[in-house]
Amino acid sequence: MQVAVPFFLLSLPVLLLFGYIAKRFLGWPKVNKPKHIAESATLQNLPSFAKLASRQRIFRWVERGFIGLVLIMLALLAARPQNFVQKVNEEESRDIVLCLDGSGSMQENISPSLEVMKEIVNENPTDRYAIVIFQTASFPALPLTRDVVAINDTIDRLLELDENGSLGLSLAGYSPDSKGGTDVGEGMIGCLRRFADLDTLRSRHVILITDLEHNGETNPRDIAALYAKYSVATEVIVPANAYSYNANNAAWLNLANAEITELDDGDDFKSVLNRLYGSILNKDDISELVAADNPTPYYVGVSLSALALGGLRLAQERRKK
């Protein structure tokens, strides 16, 4: 812990010393000490009076203790106590959207893609991640976040749906109003919408996993031009022979300056995806310790001390009656 304005802490002992000197040697402020009727040489020796006087002394010391505690807490609040917290350097952070083709021919790649992403997120929690699944429309399964718990929970739910053969996952990214087919352009629009403040310079990446069979209504060329305009780096993984087979459909990827990786028959999909993440992610630690105000414990301390002091004074008044 540290304080932002140490002057207030340093001035507290000086003020206390001044108060002691003023009271001890200057007689200020003048306080009329309560005198008991029984204050006489004889009656002071009575057990009942001695007990009463002892109780009064204890009350005074406890009262002074609470006053001192309130003063210390107020001085700490004025000095702005701060704790060190971990903060990510946003300028160095990566924004990564995993864009999954959810059509029937690509369903087998959904679970492996999610499993790799879960491993990557746990190893690199300072970057931000999102998931988009598309068929005839885009389905934002996860907004852009670095909340590791939220990411893992979302991935676990999607994996569970895929493992159980749920109809819900097979319909993810499907619009009943569409004419069918696969609309890669819609998927890319959905990814672009995950990024906030596109005019702000950041490291933005889309990992698109698809067989490039585009037969939807969206013109991917228009979307690819936007990717180039906002400097969104696009990495595409396609199954073996898919790029060659769909070369005409994939021509628009050049407009987005996309890097295309076509799997060979013997390639391990997870290993290829891991290498791709490795080329994108930060190699250095981009988090740092920064000081942040933390006044809450001292607000609580002042409040409790003031309440205790008020209760003590109230008890004293009741005893007098």
Protein backbone atom coordinates (compact mmCIF):
# COMPACT_ATOMS: atom_id res chain seq x y z
CA MET A 1 0.00 0.00 0.00
CA GLN A 2 1.09 3.60 -0.60
CA VAL A 3 -0.44 7.05 -0.21
CA ALA A 4 -0.68 9.68 -2.94
CA VAL A 5 -0.45 12.71 -0.59
CA PRO A 6 1.83 11.76 2.34
CA PHE A 7 1.72 15.33 3.73
CA PHE A 8 -1.51 14.59 5.60
CA LEU A 9 0.00 11.57 7.33
CA LEU A 10 3.15 13.47 8.25
CA SER A 11 1.13 16.39 9.64
CA LEU A 12 -0.94 14.16 11.97
CA PRO A 13 1.82 13.58 14.60
CA VAL A 14 2.63 17.31 14.52
CA LEU A 15 -1.01 18.22 15.20
CA LEU A 16 -1.26 15.66 18.01
CA LEU A 17 1.95 16.99 19.58
CA PHE A 18 0.65 20.55 19.31
CA GLY A 19 -2.60 19.51 20.99
CA TYR A 20 -0.72 17.80 23.82
CA ILE A 21 1.52 20.84 24.44
CA ALA A 22 -1.44 23.23 24.31
CA LYS A 23 -3.37 21.16 26.85
CA ARG A 24 -0.45 20.22 29.10
CA PHE A 25 1.43 23.50 29.34
CA LEU A 26 -0.92 26.21 28.13
CA GLY A 27 -4.11 24.89 29.67
CA TRP A 28 -5.99 25.11 26.37
CA PRO A 29 -8.74 24.28 25.78
CA LYS A 30 -10.16 24.71 29.24
CA VAL A 31 -12.36 21.79 30.18
CA ASN A 32 -14.54 21.70 33.24
CA LYS A 33 -13.83 18.28 34.68
CA PRO A 34 -16.92 16.69 36.23
CA LYS A 35 -16.66 16.56 39.99
CA HIS A 36 -18.40 13.96 42.07
CA ILE A 37 -20.34 15.02 45.15
CA ALA A 38 -18.46 12.41 47.11
CA GLU A 39 -15.03 13.88 46.40
CA SER A 40 -13.68 14.13 49.91
CA ALA A 41 -10.77 12.49 51.65
CA THR A 42 -13.09 10.14 53.50
CA LEU A 43 -15.59 9.22 50.81
CA GLN A 44 -12.93 8.67 48.17
CA ASN A 45 -11.93 5.53 50.03
CA LEU A 46 -15.37 4.01 49.71
CA PRO A 47 -15.40 0.96 47.38
CA SER A 48 -18.42 2.28 45.45
CA PHE A 49 -16.72 5.62 44.74
CA ALA A 50 -13.44 3.98 43.75
CA LYS A 51 -15.36 1.76 41.32
CA LEU A 52 -17.17 4.78 39.83
CA ALA A 53 -13.95 6.76 39.44
CA SER A 54 -12.21 3.80 37.80
CA ARG A 55 -15.09 3.43 35.36
CA GLN A 56 -14.89 7.12 34.47
CA ARG A 57 -11.15 6.83 33.79
CA ILE A 58 -11.73 3.85 31.52
CA PHE A 59 -14.46 5.73 29.67
CA ARG A 60 -12.11 8.67 29.11
CA TRP A 61 -9.27 6.51 27.77
CA VAL A 62 -11.59 4.54 25.49
CA GLU A 63 -13.11 7.80 24.26
CA ARG A 64 -9.66 9.21 23.50
CA GLY A 65 -8.76 5.99 21.69
CA PHE A 66 -11.78 6.26 19.40
CA ILE A 67 -11.13 9.97 18.75
CA GLY A 68 -7.54 9.12 17.83
CA LEU A 69 -8.72 6.32 15.55
CA VAL A 70 -11.12 8.68 13.77
CA LEU A 71 -8.33 11.22 13.29
CA ILE A 72 -5.97 8.58 11.89
CA MET A 73 -8.62 7.31 9.46
CA LEU A 74 -9.43 10.86 8.32
CA ALA A 75 -5.73 11.54 7.77
CA LEU A 76 -5.42 8.35 5.73
CA LEU A 77 -8.42 9.30 3.63
CA ALA A 78 -6.97 12.75 2.98
CA ALA A 79 -3.65 11.13 2.02
CA ARG A 80 -5.48 8.95 -0.60
CA PRO A 81 -4.43 5.37 0.22
CA GLN A 82 -3.64 3.29 -2.86
CA ASN A 83 -3.21 -0.39 -3.63
CA PHE A 84 -1.24 -1.84 -6.51
CA VAL A 85 -3.37 -3.59 -9.13
CA GLN A 86 -2.53 -5.39 -12.36
CA LYS A 87 -3.38 -3.36 -15.46
CA VAL A 88 -3.10 -4.39 -19.10
CA ASN A 89 -1.45 -2.04 -21.56
CA GLU A 90 -4.34 -1.62 -24.01
CA GLU A 91 -2.07 -0.34 -26.77
CA GLU A 92 -0.15 -3.63 -26.75
CA SER A 93 -3.19 -5.90 -26.30
CA ARG A 94 -4.48 -8.02 -29.20
CA ASP A 95 -8.15 -8.35 -30.18
CA ILE A 96 -8.79 -11.79 -31.67
CA VAL A 97 -12.09 -13.02 -33.13
CA LEU A 98 -12.46 -16.72 -33.90
CA CYS A 99 -14.86 -16.96 -36.86
CA LEU A 100 -16.29 -20.46 -37.35
CA ASP A 101 -18.11 -21.72 -40.42
CA GLY A 102 -21.04 -23.64 -38.91
CA SER A 103 -22.27 -25.25 -42.13
CA GLY A 104 -22.60 -29.02 -42.32
CA SER A 105 -19.29 -29.53 -44.12
CA MET A 106 -17.37 -27.66 -41.38
CA GLN A 107 -19.15 -28.89 -38.24
CA GLU A 108 -16.31 -31.27 -37.35
CA ASN A 109 -13.90 -28.36 -36.94
CA ILE A 110 -15.95 -26.47 -34.34
CA SER A 111 -14.98 -28.48 -31.25
CA PRO A 112 -11.22 -28.68 -32.06
CA SER A 113 -11.20 -24.91 -32.72
CA LEU A 114 -12.87 -24.18 -29.38
CA GLU A 115 -10.55 -26.55 -27.47
CA VAL A 116 -7.46 -24.85 -28.89
CA MET A 117 -8.87 -21.42 -28.10
CA LYS A 118 -9.52 -22.44 -24.49
CA GLU A 119 -5.89 -23.50 -24.07
CA ILE A 120 -4.66 -20.28 -25.68
CA VAL A 121 -6.85 -18.04 -23.50
CA ASN A 122 -5.65 -19.68 -20.28
CA GLU A 123 -2.03 -19.20 -21.35
CA ASN A 124 -2.50 -15.64 -22.67
CA PRO A 125 -5.11 -13.89 -20.49
CA THR A 126 -4.03 -10.34 -21.33
CA ASP A 127 -5.41 -10.39 -24.89
CA ARG A 128 -9.13 -10.11 -25.75
CA TYR A 129 -11.10 -12.83 -27.52
CA ALA A 130 -14.47 -13.25 -29.23
CA ILE A 131 -16.31 -16.06 -31.03
CA VAL A 132 -18.59 -15.77 -34.06
CA ILE A 133 -20.38 -18.72 -35.70
CA PHE A 134 -21.98 -18.22 -39.10
CA GLN A 135 -24.04 -19.99 -41.72
CA THR A 136 -26.58 -17.76 -43.45
CA ALA A 137 -26.18 -15.17 -40.67
CA SER A 138 -23.62 -14.41 -37.98
CA PHE A 139 -24.12 -15.53 -34.38
CA PRO A 140 -21.99 -13.68 -31.78
CA ALA A 141 -21.39 -16.52 -29.32
CA LEU A 142 -18.95 -14.44 -27.24
CA PRO A 143 -18.37 -10.66 -27.19
CA LEU A 144 -14.83 -9.33 -27.19
CA THR A 145 -13.47 -9.80 -23.67
CA ARG A 146 -10.46 -10.83 -21.63
CA ASP A 147 -12.64 -12.25 -18.84
CA VAL A 148 -11.12 -15.75 -18.70
CA VAL A 149 -14.00 -17.16 -16.63
CA ALA A 150 -16.64 -15.91 -19.09
CA ILE A 151 -14.64 -17.21 -22.07
CA ASN A 152 -14.15 -20.66 -20.56
CA ASP A 153 -17.81 -20.91 -19.53
CA THR A 154 -18.95 -20.00 -23.06
CA ILE A 155 -16.56 -22.47 -24.68
CA ASP A 156 -17.63 -25.24 -22.28
CA ARG A 157 -21.31 -24.65 -23.11
CA LEU A 158 -20.61 -24.71 -26.85
CA LEU A 159 -18.52 -27.88 -26.52
CA GLU A 160 -21.29 -29.53 -24.51
CA LEU A 161 -23.85 -28.64 -27.16
CA ASP A 162 -21.58 -29.98 -29.91
CA GLU A 163 -20.82 -33.18 -27.98
CA ASN A 164 -24.51 -33.88 -27.42
CA GLY A 165 -25.35 -33.24 -31.06
CA SER A 166 -27.60 -30.40 -30.02
CA LEU A 167 -29.83 -28.89 -32.67
CA GLY A 168 -29.14 -25.48 -31.10
CA LEU A 169 -25.48 -25.48 -32.14
CA SER A 170 -26.21 -26.79 -35.62
CA LEU A 171 -28.60 -23.83 -36.05
CA ALA A 172 -26.14 -21.27 -34.72
CA GLY A 173 -25.66 -18.60 -37.36
CA TYR A 174 -28.68 -19.74 -39.34
CA SER A 175 -31.46 -17.32 -40.29
CA PRO A 176 -34.89 -18.78 -41.22
CA ASP A 177 -35.44 -15.76 -43.46
CA SER A 178 -32.49 -16.63 -45.68
CA LYS A 179 -32.56 -18.59 -48.90
CA GLY A 180 -30.08 -21.14 -47.58
CA GLY A 181 -26.43 -21.75 -48.35
CA THR A 182 -23.38 -20.36 -46.56
CA ASP A 183 -22.75 -16.63 -46.38
CA VAL A 184 -19.09 -16.05 -45.57
CA GLY A 185 -19.63 -12.30 -45.95
CA GLU A 186 -22.19 -12.34 -43.13
CA GLY A 187 -19.66 -14.09 -40.92
CA MET A 188 -17.06 -11.45 -41.65
CA ILE A 189 -19.56 -8.65 -40.95
CA GLY A 190 -20.30 -10.29 -37.60
CA CYS A 191 -16.58 -10.31 -36.78
CA LEU A 192 -16.15 -6.67 -37.73
CA ARG A 193 -19.00 -5.75 -35.39
CA ARG A 194 -17.13 -7.32 -32.46
CA PHE A 195 -14.48 -4.61 -32.65
CA ALA A 196 -15.26 -1.33 -30.90
CA ASP A 197 -13.83 2.05 -31.93
CA LEU A 198 -12.54 0.95 -35.29
CA ASP A 199 -11.00 4.36 -35.82
CA THR A 200 -8.69 3.75 -32.84
CA LEU A 201 -5.41 2.08 -33.77
CA ARG A 202 -5.25 -1.41 -32.24
CA SER A 203 -3.98 -4.85 -33.14
CA ARG A 204 -7.11 -6.59 -34.53
CA HIS A 205 -7.18 -10.14 -35.88
CA VAL A 206 -9.82 -12.46 -37.33
CA ILE A 207 -9.15 -16.19 -37.56
CA LEU A 208 -11.57 -17.48 -40.19
CA ILE A 209 -12.07 -21.25 -40.40
CA THR A 210 -14.13 -22.12 -43.48
CA ASP A 211 -14.15 -24.13 -46.70
CA LEU A 212 -14.88 -20.86 -48.60
CA GLU A 213 -18.10 -22.19 -50.12
CA HIS A 214 -19.85 -18.85 -50.31
CA ASN A 215 -23.31 -18.85 -51.88
CA GLY A 216 -25.03 -16.24 -49.74
CA GLU A 217 -26.49 -12.85 -50.55
CA THR A 218 -23.73 -10.68 -49.08
CA ASN A 219 -20.96 -9.43 -51.34
CA PRO A 220 -17.74 -10.45 -49.57
CA ARG A 221 -15.72 -7.98 -51.63
CA ASP A 222 -17.40 -5.04 -49.87
CA ILE A 223 -16.63 -6.57 -46.48
CA ALA A 224 -13.04 -7.37 -47.45
CA ALA A 225 -12.52 -3.73 -48.40
CA LEU A 226 -13.62 -2.69 -44.91
CA TYR A 227 -11.13 -5.14 -43.37
CA ALA A 228 -8.35 -3.49 -45.38
CA LYS A 229 -9.59 0.01 -44.49
CA TYR A 230 -9.51 -0.67 -40.74
CA SER A 231 -6.32 -2.78 -40.84
CA VAL A 232 -7.97 -5.95 -39.54
CA ALA A 233 -5.49 -8.80 -40.04
CA THR A 234 -7.27 -11.85 -41.46
CA GLU A 235 -5.96 -15.39 -41.09
CA VAL A 236 -7.86 -18.12 -42.94
CA ILE A 237 -7.60 -21.88 -42.42
CA VAL A 238 -9.27 -24.01 -45.09
CA PRO A 239 -9.51 -27.82 -45.39
CA ALA A 240 -7.36 -29.71 -47.89
CA ASN A 241 -8.14 -28.83 -51.53
CA ALA A 242 -10.92 -26.39 -50.49
CA TYR A 243 -9.00 -23.30 -51.52
CA SER A 244 -8.11 -24.71 -54.91
CA TYR A 245 -11.68 -25.91 -55.45
CA ASN A 246 -13.21 -22.56 -54.42
CA ALA A 247 -10.52 -20.28 -55.84
CA ASN A 248 -13.06 -18.04 -57.57
CA ASN A 249 -15.07 -17.59 -54.38
CA ALA A 250 -11.89 -16.91 -52.43
CA ALA A 251 -10.50 -14.24 -54.76
CA TRP A 252 -12.01 -11.48 -52.61
CA LEU A 253 -9.72 -12.48 -49.74
CA ASN A 254 -6.89 -10.71 -51.54
CA LEU A 255 -8.71 -7.44 -50.96
CA ALA A 256 -8.52 -8.07 -47.22
CA ASN A 257 -4.80 -8.95 -47.45
CA ALA A 258 -5.70 -12.29 -45.89
CA GLU A 259 -3.12 -14.95 -45.07
CA ILE A 260 -4.50 -18.31 -46.21
CA THR A 261 -3.39 -21.66 -44.81
CA GLU A 262 -4.66 -24.67 -46.72
CA LEU A 263 -4.41 -27.91 -44.78
CA ASP A 264 -2.77 -30.94 -46.33
CA ASP A 265 -4.29 -34.38 -45.88
CA GLY A 266 -1.74 -35.28 -43.21
CA ASP A 267 -1.88 -32.00 -41.27
CA ASP A 268 -3.11 -31.95 -37.70
CA PHE A 269 -5.75 -29.21 -37.50
CA LYS A 270 -5.06 -28.34 -33.85
CA SER A 271 -1.31 -28.02 -34.40
CA VAL A 272 -1.83 -25.70 -37.37
CA LEU A 273 -4.25 -23.54 -35.37
CA ASN A 274 -1.86 -23.41 -32.42
CA ARG A 275 0.96 -22.21 -34.67
CA LEU A 276 -1.35 -19.56 -36.06
CA TYR A 277 -2.21 -18.27 -32.59
CA GLY A 278 1.50 -18.28 -31.75
CA SER A 279 2.21 -15.93 -34.65
CA ILE A 280 -0.46 -13.48 -33.44
CA LEU A 281 -0.24 -13.43 -29.67
CA ASN A 282 2.00 -11.23 -27.56
CA LYS A 283 5.38 -12.69 -26.74
CA ASP A 284 5.97 -10.26 -23.84
CA ASP A 285 4.07 -9.55 -20.65
CA ILE A 286 1.95 -6.47 -21.36
CA SER A 287 0.55 -6.09 -17.86
CA GLU A 288 1.98 -3.82 -15.19
CA LEU A 289 1.35 -2.86 -11.59
CA VAL A 290 -0.33 0.52 -11.19
CA ALA A 291 -1.51 2.41 -8.12
CA ALA A 292 -5.30 2.71 -7.68
CA ASP A 293 -7.17 4.60 -4.95
CA ASN A 294 -8.66 2.31 -2.33
CA PRO A 295 -10.56 4.47 0.21
CA THR A 296 -13.32 1.97 1.07
CA PRO A 297 -11.70 0.32 4.16
CA TYR A 298 -10.98 3.74 5.63
CA TYR A 299 -14.50 5.03 5.01
CA VAL A 300 -15.72 1.96 6.88
CA GLY A 301 -13.15 2.55 9.64
CA VAL A 302 -14.20 6.19 10.13
CA SER A 303 -17.88 5.27 10.16
CA LEU A 304 -17.48 2.44 12.67
CA SER A 305 -15.20 4.49 14.94
CA ALA A 306 -17.63 7.44 14.89
CA LEU A 307 -20.55 5.12 15.67
CA ALA A 308 -18.62 3.53 18.54
CA LEU A 309 -17.70 6.96 19.91
CA GLY A 310 -21.33 8.09 19.71
CA GLY A 311 -22.49 4.92 21.44
CA LEU A 312 -19.93 5.41 24.20
CA ARG A 313 -21.08 8.97 24.81
CA LEU A 314 -24.72 7.89 24.82
CA ALA A 315 -23.94 5.21 27.40
CA GLN A 316 -22.24 7.84 29.56
CA GLU A 317 -25.28 10.13 29.41
CA ARG A 318 -27.59 7.30 30.36
CA ARG A 319 -25.42 6.43 33.36
CA LYS A 320 -25.58 10.04 34.57
CA LYS A 321 -29.37 9.86 34.61
